[in-house]
PDBML (XML) file of the C-alpha atoms, coordinates in Angstrom:
<?xml version="1.0" encoding="UTF-8" ?>
<PDBx:datablock datablockName="MODEL"
   xmlns:PDBx="http://pdbml.pdb.org/schema/pdbx-v50.xsd"
   xmlns:xsi="http://www.w3.org/2001/XMLSchema-instance"
   xsi:schemaLocation="http://pdbml.pdb.org/schema/pdbx-v50.xsd pdbx-v50.xsd">
   <PDBx:atom_siteCategory>
      <PDBx:atom_site id="1">
         <PDBx:B_iso_or_equiv>0.00</PDBx:B_iso_or_equiv>
         <PDBx:Cartn_x>127.923</PDBx:Cartn_x>
         <PDBx:Cartn_y>-49.456</PDBx:Cartn_y>
         <PDBx:Cartn_z>237.674</PDBx:Cartn_z>
         <PDBx:auth_asym_id>A</PDBx:auth_asym_id>
         <PDBx:auth_atom_id>CA</PDBx:auth_atom_id>
         <PDBx:auth_comp_id>THR</PDBx:auth_comp_id>
         <PDBx:auth_seq_id>1</PDBx:auth_seq_id>
         <PDBx:group_PDB>ATOM</PDBx:group_PDB>
         <PDBx:label_alt_id xsi:nil="true" />
         <PDBx:label_asym_id>A</PDBx:label_asym_id>
         <PDBx:label_atom_id>CA</PDBx:label_atom_id>
         <PDBx:label_comp_id>THR</PDBx:label_comp_id>
         <PDBx:label_entity_id>1</PDBx:label_entity_id>
         <PDBx:label_seq_id>1</PDBx:label_seq_id>
         <PDBx:occupancy>1.00</PDBx:occupancy>
         <PDBx:pdbx_PDB_model_num>1</PDBx:pdbx_PDB_model_num>
         <PDBx:type_symbol>C</PDBx:type_symbol>
      </PDBx:atom_site>
      <PDBx:atom_site id="2">
         <PDBx:B_iso_or_equiv>0.00</PDBx:B_iso_or_equiv>
         <PDBx:Cartn_x>125.053</PDBx:Cartn_x>
         <PDBx:Cartn_y>-49.288</PDBx:Cartn_y>
         <PDBx:Cartn_z>235.181</PDBx:Cartn_z>
         <PDBx:auth_asym_id>A</PDBx:auth_asym_id>
         <PDBx:auth_atom_id>CA</PDBx:auth_atom_id>
         <PDBx:auth_comp_id>LYS</PDBx:auth_comp_id>
         <PDBx:auth_seq_id>2</PDBx:auth_seq_id>
         <PDBx:group_PDB>ATOM</PDBx:group_PDB>
         <PDBx:label_alt_id xsi:nil="true" />
         <PDBx:label_asym_id>A</PDBx:label_asym_id>
         <PDBx:label_atom_id>CA</PDBx:label_atom_id>
         <PDBx:label_comp_id>LYS</PDBx:label_comp_id>
         <PDBx:label_entity_id>1</PDBx:label_entity_id>
         <PDBx:label_seq_id>2</PDBx:label_seq_id>
         <PDBx:occupancy>1.00</PDBx:occupancy>
         <PDBx:pdbx_PDB_model_num>1</PDBx:pdbx_PDB_model_num>
         <PDBx:type_symbol>C</PDBx:type_symbol>
      </PDBx:atom_site>
      <PDBx:atom_site id="3">
         <PDBx:B_iso_or_equiv>0.00</PDBx:B_iso_or_equiv>
         <PDBx:Cartn_x>122.318</PDBx:Cartn_x>
         <PDBx:Cartn_y>-49.562</PDBx:Cartn_y>
         <PDBx:Cartn_z>237.820</PDBx:Cartn_z>
         <PDBx:auth_asym_id>A</PDBx:auth_asym_id>
         <PDBx:auth_atom_id>CA</PDBx:auth_atom_id>
         <PDBx:auth_comp_id>LEU</PDBx:auth_comp_id>
         <PDBx:auth_seq_id>3</PDBx:auth_seq_id>
         <PDBx:group_PDB>ATOM</PDBx:group_PDB>
         <PDBx:label_alt_id xsi:nil="true" />
         <PDBx:label_asym_id>A</PDBx:label_asym_id>
         <PDBx:label_atom_id>CA</PDBx:label_atom_id>
         <PDBx:label_comp_id>LEU</PDBx:label_comp_id>
         <PDBx:label_entity_id>1</PDBx:label_entity_id>
         <PDBx:label_seq_id>3</PDBx:label_seq_id>
         <PDBx:occupancy>1.00</PDBx:occupancy>
         <PDBx:pdbx_PDB_model_num>1</PDBx:pdbx_PDB_model_num>
         <PDBx:type_symbol>C</PDBx:type_symbol>
      </PDBx:atom_site>
      <PDBx:atom_site id="4">
         <PDBx:B_iso_or_equiv>0.00</PDBx:B_iso_or_equiv>
         <PDBx:Cartn_x>123.947</PDBx:Cartn_x>
         <PDBx:Cartn_y>-46.873</PDBx:Cartn_y>
         <PDBx:Cartn_z>240.006</PDBx:Cartn_z>
         <PDBx:auth_asym_id>A</PDBx:auth_asym_id>
         <PDBx:auth_atom_id>CA</PDBx:auth_atom_id>
         <PDBx:auth_comp_id>ASN</PDBx:auth_comp_id>
         <PDBx:auth_seq_id>4</PDBx:auth_seq_id>
         <PDBx:group_PDB>ATOM</PDBx:group_PDB>
         <PDBx:label_alt_id xsi:nil="true" />
         <PDBx:label_asym_id>A</PDBx:label_asym_id>
         <PDBx:label_atom_id>CA</PDBx:label_atom_id>
         <PDBx:label_comp_id>ASN</PDBx:label_comp_id>
         <PDBx:label_entity_id>1</PDBx:label_entity_id>
         <PDBx:label_seq_id>4</PDBx:label_seq_id>
         <PDBx:occupancy>1.00</PDBx:occupancy>
         <PDBx:pdbx_PDB_model_num>1</PDBx:pdbx_PDB_model_num>
         <PDBx:type_symbol>C</PDBx:type_symbol>
      </PDBx:atom_site>
      <PDBx:atom_site id="5">
         <PDBx:B_iso_or_equiv>0.00</PDBx:B_iso_or_equiv>
         <PDBx:Cartn_x>123.821</PDBx:Cartn_x>
         <PDBx:Cartn_y>-44.419</PDBx:Cartn_y>
         <PDBx:Cartn_z>237.094</PDBx:Cartn_z>
         <PDBx:auth_asym_id>A</PDBx:auth_asym_id>
         <PDBx:auth_atom_id>CA</PDBx:auth_atom_id>
         <PDBx:auth_comp_id>ASP</PDBx:auth_comp_id>
         <PDBx:auth_seq_id>5</PDBx:auth_seq_id>
         <PDBx:group_PDB>ATOM</PDBx:group_PDB>
         <PDBx:label_alt_id xsi:nil="true" />
         <PDBx:label_asym_id>A</PDBx:label_asym_id>
         <PDBx:label_atom_id>CA</PDBx:label_atom_id>
         <PDBx:label_comp_id>ASP</PDBx:label_comp_id>
         <PDBx:label_entity_id>1</PDBx:label_entity_id>
         <PDBx:label_seq_id>5</PDBx:label_seq_id>
         <PDBx:occupancy>1.00</PDBx:occupancy>
         <PDBx:pdbx_PDB_model_num>1</PDBx:pdbx_PDB_model_num>
         <PDBx:type_symbol>C</PDBx:type_symbol>
      </PDBx:atom_site>
      <PDBx:atom_site id="6">
         <PDBx:B_iso_or_equiv>0.00</PDBx:B_iso_or_equiv>
         <PDBx:Cartn_x>120.867</PDBx:Cartn_x>
         <PDBx:Cartn_y>-42.059</PDBx:Cartn_y>
         <PDBx:Cartn_z>236.622</PDBx:Cartn_z>
         <PDBx:auth_asym_id>A</PDBx:auth_asym_id>
         <PDBx:auth_atom_id>CA</PDBx:auth_atom_id>
         <PDBx:auth_comp_id>ASN</PDBx:auth_comp_id>
         <PDBx:auth_seq_id>6</PDBx:auth_seq_id>
         <PDBx:group_PDB>ATOM</PDBx:group_PDB>
         <PDBx:label_alt_id xsi:nil="true" />
         <PDBx:label_asym_id>A</PDBx:label_asym_id>
         <PDBx:label_atom_id>CA</PDBx:label_atom_id>
         <PDBx:label_comp_id>ASN</PDBx:label_comp_id>
         <PDBx:label_entity_id>1</PDBx:label_entity_id>
         <PDBx:label_seq_id>6</PDBx:label_seq_id>
         <PDBx:occupancy>1.00</PDBx:occupancy>
         <PDBx:pdbx_PDB_model_num>1</PDBx:pdbx_PDB_model_num>
         <PDBx:type_symbol>C</PDBx:type_symbol>
      </PDBx:atom_site>
      <PDBx:atom_site id="7">
         <PDBx:B_iso_or_equiv>0.00</PDBx:B_iso_or_equiv>
         <PDBx:Cartn_x>118.232</PDBx:Cartn_x>
         <PDBx:Cartn_y>-42.737</PDBx:Cartn_y>
         <PDBx:Cartn_z>233.951</PDBx:Cartn_z>
         <PDBx:auth_asym_id>A</PDBx:auth_asym_id>
         <PDBx:auth_atom_id>CA</PDBx:auth_atom_id>
         <PDBx:auth_comp_id>LEU</PDBx:auth_comp_id>
         <PDBx:auth_seq_id>7</PDBx:auth_seq_id>
         <PDBx:group_PDB>ATOM</PDBx:group_PDB>
         <PDBx:label_alt_id xsi:nil="true" />
         <PDBx:label_asym_id>A</PDBx:label_asym_id>
         <PDBx:label_atom_id>CA</PDBx:label_atom_id>
         <PDBx:label_comp_id>LEU</PDBx:label_comp_id>
         <PDBx:label_entity_id>1</PDBx:label_entity_id>
         <PDBx:label_seq_id>7</PDBx:label_seq_id>
         <PDBx:occupancy>1.00</PDBx:occupancy>
         <PDBx:pdbx_PDB_model_num>1</PDBx:pdbx_PDB_model_num>
         <PDBx:type_symbol>C</PDBx:type_symbol>
      </PDBx:atom_site>
      <PDBx:atom_site id="8">
         <PDBx:B_iso_or_equiv>0.00</PDBx:B_iso_or_equiv>
         <PDBx:Cartn_x>119.056</PDBx:Cartn_x>
         <PDBx:Cartn_y>-39.651</PDBx:Cartn_y>
         <PDBx:Cartn_z>231.884</PDBx:Cartn_z>
         <PDBx:auth_asym_id>A</PDBx:auth_asym_id>
         <PDBx:auth_atom_id>CA</PDBx:auth_atom_id>
         <PDBx:auth_comp_id>TRP</PDBx:auth_comp_id>
         <PDBx:auth_seq_id>8</PDBx:auth_seq_id>
         <PDBx:group_PDB>ATOM</PDBx:group_PDB>
         <PDBx:label_alt_id xsi:nil="true" />
         <PDBx:label_asym_id>A</PDBx:label_asym_id>
         <PDBx:label_atom_id>CA</PDBx:label_atom_id>
         <PDBx:label_comp_id>TRP</PDBx:label_comp_id>
         <PDBx:label_entity_id>1</PDBx:label_entity_id>
         <PDBx:label_seq_id>8</PDBx:label_seq_id>
         <PDBx:occupancy>1.00</PDBx:occupancy>
         <PDBx:pdbx_PDB_model_num>1</PDBx:pdbx_PDB_model_num>
         <PDBx:type_symbol>C</PDBx:type_symbol>
      </PDBx:atom_site>
      <PDBx:atom_site id="9">
         <PDBx:B_iso_or_equiv>0.00</PDBx:B_iso_or_equiv>
         <PDBx:Cartn_x>122.690</PDBx:Cartn_x>
         <PDBx:Cartn_y>-40.736</PDBx:Cartn_y>
         <PDBx:Cartn_z>231.612</PDBx:Cartn_z>
         <PDBx:auth_asym_id>A</PDBx:auth_asym_id>
         <PDBx:auth_atom_id>CA</PDBx:auth_atom_id>
         <PDBx:auth_comp_id>SER</PDBx:auth_comp_id>
         <PDBx:auth_seq_id>9</PDBx:auth_seq_id>
         <PDBx:group_PDB>ATOM</PDBx:group_PDB>
         <PDBx:label_alt_id xsi:nil="true" />
         <PDBx:label_asym_id>A</PDBx:label_asym_id>
         <PDBx:label_atom_id>CA</PDBx:label_atom_id>
         <PDBx:label_comp_id>SER</PDBx:label_comp_id>
         <PDBx:label_entity_id>1</PDBx:label_entity_id>
         <PDBx:label_seq_id>9</PDBx:label_seq_id>
         <PDBx:occupancy>1.00</PDBx:occupancy>
         <PDBx:pdbx_PDB_model_num>1</PDBx:pdbx_PDB_model_num>
         <PDBx:type_symbol>C</PDBx:type_symbol>
      </PDBx:atom_site>
      <PDBx:atom_site id="10">
         <PDBx:B_iso_or_equiv>0.00</PDBx:B_iso_or_equiv>
         <PDBx:Cartn_x>121.612</PDBx:Cartn_x>
         <PDBx:Cartn_y>-44.261</PDBx:Cartn_y>
         <PDBx:Cartn_z>230.660</PDBx:Cartn_z>
         <PDBx:auth_asym_id>A</PDBx:auth_asym_id>
         <PDBx:auth_atom_id>CA</PDBx:auth_atom_id>
         <PDBx:auth_comp_id>ILE</PDBx:auth_comp_id>
         <PDBx:auth_seq_id>10</PDBx:auth_seq_id>
         <PDBx:group_PDB>ATOM</PDBx:group_PDB>
         <PDBx:label_alt_id xsi:nil="true" />
         <PDBx:label_asym_id>A</PDBx:label_asym_id>
         <PDBx:label_atom_id>CA</PDBx:label_atom_id>
         <PDBx:label_comp_id>ILE</PDBx:label_comp_id>
         <PDBx:label_entity_id>1</PDBx:label_entity_id>
         <PDBx:label_seq_id>10</PDBx:label_seq_id>
         <PDBx:occupancy>1.00</PDBx:occupancy>
         <PDBx:pdbx_PDB_model_num>1</PDBx:pdbx_PDB_model_num>
         <PDBx:type_symbol>C</PDBx:type_symbol>
      </PDBx:atom_site>
      <PDBx:atom_site id="11">
         <PDBx:B_iso_or_equiv>0.00</PDBx:B_iso_or_equiv>
         <PDBx:Cartn_x>119.275</PDBx:Cartn_x>
         <PDBx:Cartn_y>-42.880</PDBx:Cartn_y>
         <PDBx:Cartn_z>227.993</PDBx:Cartn_z>
         <PDBx:auth_asym_id>A</PDBx:auth_asym_id>
         <PDBx:auth_atom_id>CA</PDBx:auth_atom_id>
         <PDBx:auth_comp_id>PHE</PDBx:auth_comp_id>
         <PDBx:auth_seq_id>11</PDBx:auth_seq_id>
         <PDBx:group_PDB>ATOM</PDBx:group_PDB>
         <PDBx:label_alt_id xsi:nil="true" />
         <PDBx:label_asym_id>A</PDBx:label_asym_id>
         <PDBx:label_atom_id>CA</PDBx:label_atom_id>
         <PDBx:label_comp_id>PHE</PDBx:label_comp_id>
         <PDBx:label_entity_id>1</PDBx:label_entity_id>
         <PDBx:label_seq_id>11</PDBx:label_seq_id>
         <PDBx:occupancy>1.00</PDBx:occupancy>
         <PDBx:pdbx_PDB_model_num>1</PDBx:pdbx_PDB_model_num>
         <PDBx:type_symbol>C</PDBx:type_symbol>
      </PDBx:atom_site>
      <PDBx:atom_site id="12">
         <PDBx:B_iso_or_equiv>0.00</PDBx:B_iso_or_equiv>
         <PDBx:Cartn_x>121.935</PDBx:Cartn_x>
         <PDBx:Cartn_y>-40.638</PDBx:Cartn_y>
         <PDBx:Cartn_z>226.413</PDBx:Cartn_z>
         <PDBx:auth_asym_id>A</PDBx:auth_asym_id>
         <PDBx:auth_atom_id>CA</PDBx:auth_atom_id>
         <PDBx:auth_comp_id>LEU</PDBx:auth_comp_id>
         <PDBx:auth_seq_id>12</PDBx:auth_seq_id>
         <PDBx:group_PDB>ATOM</PDBx:group_PDB>
         <PDBx:label_alt_id xsi:nil="true" />
         <PDBx:label_asym_id>A</PDBx:label_asym_id>
         <PDBx:label_atom_id>CA</PDBx:label_atom_id>
         <PDBx:label_comp_id>LEU</PDBx:label_comp_id>
         <PDBx:label_entity_id>1</PDBx:label_entity_id>
         <PDBx:label_seq_id>12</PDBx:label_seq_id>
         <PDBx:occupancy>1.00</PDBx:occupancy>
         <PDBx:pdbx_PDB_model_num>1</PDBx:pdbx_PDB_model_num>
         <PDBx:type_symbol>C</PDBx:type_symbol>
      </PDBx:atom_site>
      <PDBx:atom_site id="13">
         <PDBx:B_iso_or_equiv>0.00</PDBx:B_iso_or_equiv>
         <PDBx:Cartn_x>124.571</PDBx:Cartn_x>
         <PDBx:Cartn_y>-43.383</PDBx:Cartn_y>
         <PDBx:Cartn_z>226.421</PDBx:Cartn_z>
         <PDBx:auth_asym_id>A</PDBx:auth_asym_id>
         <PDBx:auth_atom_id>CA</PDBx:auth_atom_id>
         <PDBx:auth_comp_id>LEU</PDBx:auth_comp_id>
         <PDBx:auth_seq_id>13</PDBx:auth_seq_id>
         <PDBx:group_PDB>ATOM</PDBx:group_PDB>
         <PDBx:label_alt_id xsi:nil="true" />
         <PDBx:label_asym_id>A</PDBx:label_asym_id>
         <PDBx:label_atom_id>CA</PDBx:label_atom_id>
         <PDBx:label_comp_id>LEU</PDBx:label_comp_id>
         <PDBx:label_entity_id>1</PDBx:label_entity_id>
         <PDBx:label_seq_id>13</PDBx:label_seq_id>
         <PDBx:occupancy>1.00</PDBx:occupancy>
         <PDBx:pdbx_PDB_model_num>1</PDBx:pdbx_PDB_model_num>
         <PDBx:type_symbol>C</PDBx:type_symbol>
      </PDBx:atom_site>
      <PDBx:atom_site id="14">
         <PDBx:B_iso_or_equiv>0.00</PDBx:B_iso_or_equiv>
         <PDBx:Cartn_x>122.063</PDBx:Cartn_x>
         <PDBx:Cartn_y>-45.676</PDBx:Cartn_y>
         <PDBx:Cartn_z>224.706</PDBx:Cartn_z>
         <PDBx:auth_asym_id>A</PDBx:auth_asym_id>
         <PDBx:auth_atom_id>CA</PDBx:auth_atom_id>
         <PDBx:auth_comp_id>ALA</PDBx:auth_comp_id>
         <PDBx:auth_seq_id>14</PDBx:auth_seq_id>
         <PDBx:group_PDB>ATOM</PDBx:group_PDB>
         <PDBx:label_alt_id xsi:nil="true" />
         <PDBx:label_asym_id>A</PDBx:label_asym_id>
         <PDBx:label_atom_id>CA</PDBx:label_atom_id>
         <PDBx:label_comp_id>ALA</PDBx:label_comp_id>
         <PDBx:label_entity_id>1</PDBx:label_entity_id>
         <PDBx:label_seq_id>14</PDBx:label_seq_id>
         <PDBx:occupancy>1.00</PDBx:occupancy>
         <PDBx:pdbx_PDB_model_num>1</PDBx:pdbx_PDB_model_num>
         <PDBx:type_symbol>C</PDBx:type_symbol>
      </PDBx:atom_site>
      <PDBx:atom_site id="15">
         <PDBx:B_iso_or_equiv>0.00</PDBx:B_iso_or_equiv>
         <PDBx:Cartn_x>121.372</PDBx:Cartn_x>
         <PDBx:Cartn_y>-42.984</PDBx:Cartn_y>
         <PDBx:Cartn_z>222.073</PDBx:Cartn_z>
         <PDBx:auth_asym_id>A</PDBx:auth_asym_id>
         <PDBx:auth_atom_id>CA</PDBx:auth_atom_id>
         <PDBx:auth_comp_id>VAL</PDBx:auth_comp_id>
         <PDBx:auth_seq_id>15</PDBx:auth_seq_id>
         <PDBx:group_PDB>ATOM</PDBx:group_PDB>
         <PDBx:label_alt_id xsi:nil="true" />
         <PDBx:label_asym_id>A</PDBx:label_asym_id>
         <PDBx:label_atom_id>CA</PDBx:label_atom_id>
         <PDBx:label_comp_id>VAL</PDBx:label_comp_id>
         <PDBx:label_entity_id>1</PDBx:label_entity_id>
         <PDBx:label_seq_id>15</PDBx:label_seq_id>
         <PDBx:occupancy>1.00</PDBx:occupancy>
         <PDBx:pdbx_PDB_model_num>1</PDBx:pdbx_PDB_model_num>
         <PDBx:type_symbol>C</PDBx:type_symbol>
      </PDBx:atom_site>
      <PDBx:atom_site id="16">
         <PDBx:B_iso_or_equiv>0.00</PDBx:B_iso_or_equiv>
         <PDBx:Cartn_x>125.102</PDBx:Cartn_x>
         <PDBx:Cartn_y>-42.631</PDBx:Cartn_y>
         <PDBx:Cartn_z>221.353</PDBx:Cartn_z>
         <PDBx:auth_asym_id>A</PDBx:auth_asym_id>
         <PDBx:auth_atom_id>CA</PDBx:auth_atom_id>
         <PDBx:auth_comp_id>PHE</PDBx:auth_comp_id>
         <PDBx:auth_seq_id>16</PDBx:auth_seq_id>
         <PDBx:group_PDB>ATOM</PDBx:group_PDB>
         <PDBx:label_alt_id xsi:nil="true" />
         <PDBx:label_asym_id>A</PDBx:label_asym_id>
         <PDBx:label_atom_id>CA</PDBx:label_atom_id>
         <PDBx:label_comp_id>PHE</PDBx:label_comp_id>
         <PDBx:label_entity_id>1</PDBx:label_entity_id>
         <PDBx:label_seq_id>16</PDBx:label_seq_id>
         <PDBx:occupancy>1.00</PDBx:occupancy>
         <PDBx:pdbx_PDB_model_num>1</PDBx:pdbx_PDB_model_num>
         <PDBx:type_symbol>C</PDBx:type_symbol>
      </PDBx:atom_site>
      <PDBx:atom_site id="17">
         <PDBx:B_iso_or_equiv>0.00</PDBx:B_iso_or_equiv>
         <PDBx:Cartn_x>125.450</PDBx:Cartn_x>
         <PDBx:Cartn_y>-46.410</PDBx:Cartn_y>
         <PDBx:Cartn_z>221.133</PDBx:Cartn_z>
         <PDBx:auth_asym_id>A</PDBx:auth_asym_id>
         <PDBx:auth_atom_id>CA</PDBx:auth_atom_id>
         <PDBx:auth_comp_id>CYS</PDBx:auth_comp_id>
         <PDBx:auth_seq_id>17</PDBx:auth_seq_id>
         <PDBx:group_PDB>ATOM</PDBx:group_PDB>
         <PDBx:label_alt_id xsi:nil="true" />
         <PDBx:label_asym_id>A</PDBx:label_asym_id>
         <PDBx:label_atom_id>CA</PDBx:label_atom_id>
         <PDBx:label_comp_id>CYS</PDBx:label_comp_id>
         <PDBx:label_entity_id>1</PDBx:label_entity_id>
         <PDBx:label_seq_id>17</PDBx:label_seq_id>
         <PDBx:occupancy>1.00</PDBx:occupancy>
         <PDBx:pdbx_PDB_model_num>1</PDBx:pdbx_PDB_model_num>
         <PDBx:type_symbol>C</PDBx:type_symbol>
      </PDBx:atom_site>
      <PDBx:atom_site id="18">
         <PDBx:B_iso_or_equiv>0.00</PDBx:B_iso_or_equiv>
         <PDBx:Cartn_x>122.889</PDBx:Cartn_x>
         <PDBx:Cartn_y>-46.910</PDBx:Cartn_y>
         <PDBx:Cartn_z>218.397</PDBx:Cartn_z>
         <PDBx:auth_asym_id>A</PDBx:auth_asym_id>
         <PDBx:auth_atom_id>CA</PDBx:auth_atom_id>
         <PDBx:auth_comp_id>ASN</PDBx:auth_comp_id>
         <PDBx:auth_seq_id>18</PDBx:auth_seq_id>
         <PDBx:group_PDB>ATOM</PDBx:group_PDB>
         <PDBx:label_alt_id xsi:nil="true" />
         <PDBx:label_asym_id>A</PDBx:label_asym_id>
         <PDBx:label_atom_id>CA</PDBx:label_atom_id>
         <PDBx:label_comp_id>ASN</PDBx:label_comp_id>
         <PDBx:label_entity_id>1</PDBx:label_entity_id>
         <PDBx:label_seq_id>18</PDBx:label_seq_id>
         <PDBx:occupancy>1.00</PDBx:occupancy>
         <PDBx:pdbx_PDB_model_num>1</PDBx:pdbx_PDB_model_num>
         <PDBx:type_symbol>C</PDBx:type_symbol>
      </PDBx:atom_site>
      <PDBx:atom_site id="19">
         <PDBx:B_iso_or_equiv>0.00</PDBx:B_iso_or_equiv>
         <PDBx:Cartn_x>124.201</PDBx:Cartn_x>
         <PDBx:Cartn_y>-44.045</PDBx:Cartn_y>
         <PDBx:Cartn_z>216.292</PDBx:Cartn_z>
         <PDBx:auth_asym_id>A</PDBx:auth_asym_id>
         <PDBx:auth_atom_id>CA</PDBx:auth_atom_id>
         <PDBx:auth_comp_id>VAL</PDBx:auth_comp_id>
         <PDBx:auth_seq_id>19</PDBx:auth_seq_id>
         <PDBx:group_PDB>ATOM</PDBx:group_PDB>
         <PDBx:label_alt_id xsi:nil="true" />
         <PDBx:label_asym_id>A</PDBx:label_asym_id>
         <PDBx:label_atom_id>CA</PDBx:label_atom_id>
         <PDBx:label_comp_id>VAL</PDBx:label_comp_id>
         <PDBx:label_entity_id>1</PDBx:label_entity_id>
         <PDBx:label_seq_id>19</PDBx:label_seq_id>
         <PDBx:occupancy>1.00</PDBx:occupancy>
         <PDBx:pdbx_PDB_model_num>1</PDBx:pdbx_PDB_model_num>
         <PDBx:type_symbol>C</PDBx:type_symbol>
      </PDBx:atom_site>
      <PDBx:atom_site id="20">
         <PDBx:B_iso_or_equiv>0.00</PDBx:B_iso_or_equiv>
         <PDBx:Cartn_x>127.350</PDBx:Cartn_x>
         <PDBx:Cartn_y>-46.139</PDBx:Cartn_y>
         <PDBx:Cartn_z>216.000</PDBx:Cartn_z>
         <PDBx:auth_asym_id>A</PDBx:auth_asym_id>
         <PDBx:auth_atom_id>CA</PDBx:auth_atom_id>
         <PDBx:auth_comp_id>LEU</PDBx:auth_comp_id>
         <PDBx:auth_seq_id>20</PDBx:auth_seq_id>
         <PDBx:group_PDB>ATOM</PDBx:group_PDB>
         <PDBx:label_alt_id xsi:nil="true" />
         <PDBx:label_asym_id>A</PDBx:label_asym_id>
         <PDBx:label_atom_id>CA</PDBx:label_atom_id>
         <PDBx:label_comp_id>LEU</PDBx:label_comp_id>
         <PDBx:label_entity_id>1</PDBx:label_entity_id>
         <PDBx:label_seq_id>20</PDBx:label_seq_id>
         <PDBx:occupancy>1.00</PDBx:occupancy>
         <PDBx:pdbx_PDB_model_num>1</PDBx:pdbx_PDB_model_num>
         <PDBx:type_symbol>C</PDBx:type_symbol>
      </PDBx:atom_site>
      <PDBx:atom_site id="21">
         <PDBx:B_iso_or_equiv>0.00</PDBx:B_iso_or_equiv>
         <PDBx:Cartn_x>125.375</PDBx:Cartn_x>
         <PDBx:Cartn_y>-49.364</PDBx:Cartn_y>
         <PDBx:Cartn_z>215.499</PDBx:Cartn_z>
         <PDBx:auth_asym_id>A</PDBx:auth_asym_id>
         <PDBx:auth_atom_id>CA</PDBx:auth_atom_id>
         <PDBx:auth_comp_id>ILE</PDBx:auth_comp_id>
         <PDBx:auth_seq_id>21</PDBx:auth_seq_id>
         <PDBx:group_PDB>ATOM</PDBx:group_PDB>
         <PDBx:label_alt_id xsi:nil="true" />
         <PDBx:label_asym_id>A</PDBx:label_asym_id>
         <PDBx:label_atom_id>CA</PDBx:label_atom_id>
         <PDBx:label_comp_id>ILE</PDBx:label_comp_id>
         <PDBx:label_entity_id>1</PDBx:label_entity_id>
         <PDBx:label_seq_id>21</PDBx:label_seq_id>
         <PDBx:occupancy>1.00</PDBx:occupancy>
         <PDBx:pdbx_PDB_model_num>1</PDBx:pdbx_PDB_model_num>
         <PDBx:type_symbol>C</PDBx:type_symbol>
      </PDBx:atom_site>
      <PDBx:atom_site id="22">
         <PDBx:B_iso_or_equiv>0.00</PDBx:B_iso_or_equiv>
         <PDBx:Cartn_x>123.488</PDBx:Cartn_x>
         <PDBx:Cartn_y>-47.796</PDBx:Cartn_y>
         <PDBx:Cartn_z>212.592</PDBx:Cartn_z>
         <PDBx:auth_asym_id>A</PDBx:auth_asym_id>
         <PDBx:auth_atom_id>CA</PDBx:auth_atom_id>
         <PDBx:auth_comp_id>PHE</PDBx:auth_comp_id>
         <PDBx:auth_seq_id>22</PDBx:auth_seq_id>
         <PDBx:group_PDB>ATOM</PDBx:group_PDB>
         <PDBx:label_alt_id xsi:nil="true" />
         <PDBx:label_asym_id>A</PDBx:label_asym_id>
         <PDBx:label_atom_id>CA</PDBx:label_atom_id>
         <PDBx:label_comp_id>PHE</PDBx:label_comp_id>
         <PDBx:label_entity_id>1</PDBx:label_entity_id>
         <PDBx:label_seq_id>22</PDBx:label_seq_id>
         <PDBx:occupancy>1.00</PDBx:occupancy>
         <PDBx:pdbx_PDB_model_num>1</PDBx:pdbx_PDB_model_num>
         <PDBx:type_symbol>C</PDBx:type_symbol>
      </PDBx:atom_site>
      <PDBx:atom_site id="23">
         <PDBx:B_iso_or_equiv>0.00</PDBx:B_iso_or_equiv>
         <PDBx:Cartn_x>126.758</PDBx:Cartn_x>
         <PDBx:Cartn_y>-46.708</PDBx:Cartn_y>
         <PDBx:Cartn_z>210.989</PDBx:Cartn_z>
         <PDBx:auth_asym_id>A</PDBx:auth_asym_id>
         <PDBx:auth_atom_id>CA</PDBx:auth_atom_id>
         <PDBx:auth_comp_id>LEU</PDBx:auth_comp_id>
         <PDBx:auth_seq_id>23</PDBx:auth_seq_id>
         <PDBx:group_PDB>ATOM</PDBx:group_PDB>
         <PDBx:label_alt_id xsi:nil="true" />
         <PDBx:label_asym_id>A</PDBx:label_asym_id>
         <PDBx:label_atom_id>CA</PDBx:label_atom_id>
         <PDBx:label_comp_id>LEU</PDBx:label_comp_id>
         <PDBx:label_entity_id>1</PDBx:label_entity_id>
         <PDBx:label_seq_id>23</PDBx:label_seq_id>
         <PDBx:occupancy>1.00</PDBx:occupancy>
         <PDBx:pdbx_PDB_model_num>1</PDBx:pdbx_PDB_model_num>
         <PDBx:type_symbol>C</PDBx:type_symbol>
      </PDBx:atom_site>
      <PDBx:atom_site id="24">
         <PDBx:B_iso_or_equiv>0.00</PDBx:B_iso_or_equiv>
         <PDBx:Cartn_x>128.132</PDBx:Cartn_x>
         <PDBx:Cartn_y>-50.235</PDBx:Cartn_y>
         <PDBx:Cartn_z>211.401</PDBx:Cartn_z>
         <PDBx:auth_asym_id>A</PDBx:auth_asym_id>
         <PDBx:auth_atom_id>CA</PDBx:auth_atom_id>
         <PDBx:auth_comp_id>ALA</PDBx:auth_comp_id>
         <PDBx:auth_seq_id>24</PDBx:auth_seq_id>
         <PDBx:group_PDB>ATOM</PDBx:group_PDB>
         <PDBx:label_alt_id xsi:nil="true" />
         <PDBx:label_asym_id>A</PDBx:label_asym_id>
         <PDBx:label_atom_id>CA</PDBx:label_atom_id>
         <PDBx:label_comp_id>ALA</PDBx:label_comp_id>
         <PDBx:label_entity_id>1</PDBx:label_entity_id>
         <PDBx:label_seq_id>24</PDBx:label_seq_id>
         <PDBx:occupancy>1.00</PDBx:occupancy>
         <PDBx:pdbx_PDB_model_num>1</PDBx:pdbx_PDB_model_num>
         <PDBx:type_symbol>C</PDBx:type_symbol>
      </PDBx:atom_site>
   </PDBx:atom_siteCategory>
</PDBx:datablock>
């Protein structure tokens, strides 16, 4: 599922992830 996604989507989802990681 991850590798079938496009790179822009992967990049944005990674950005959202580490916003939450920083808060944690």
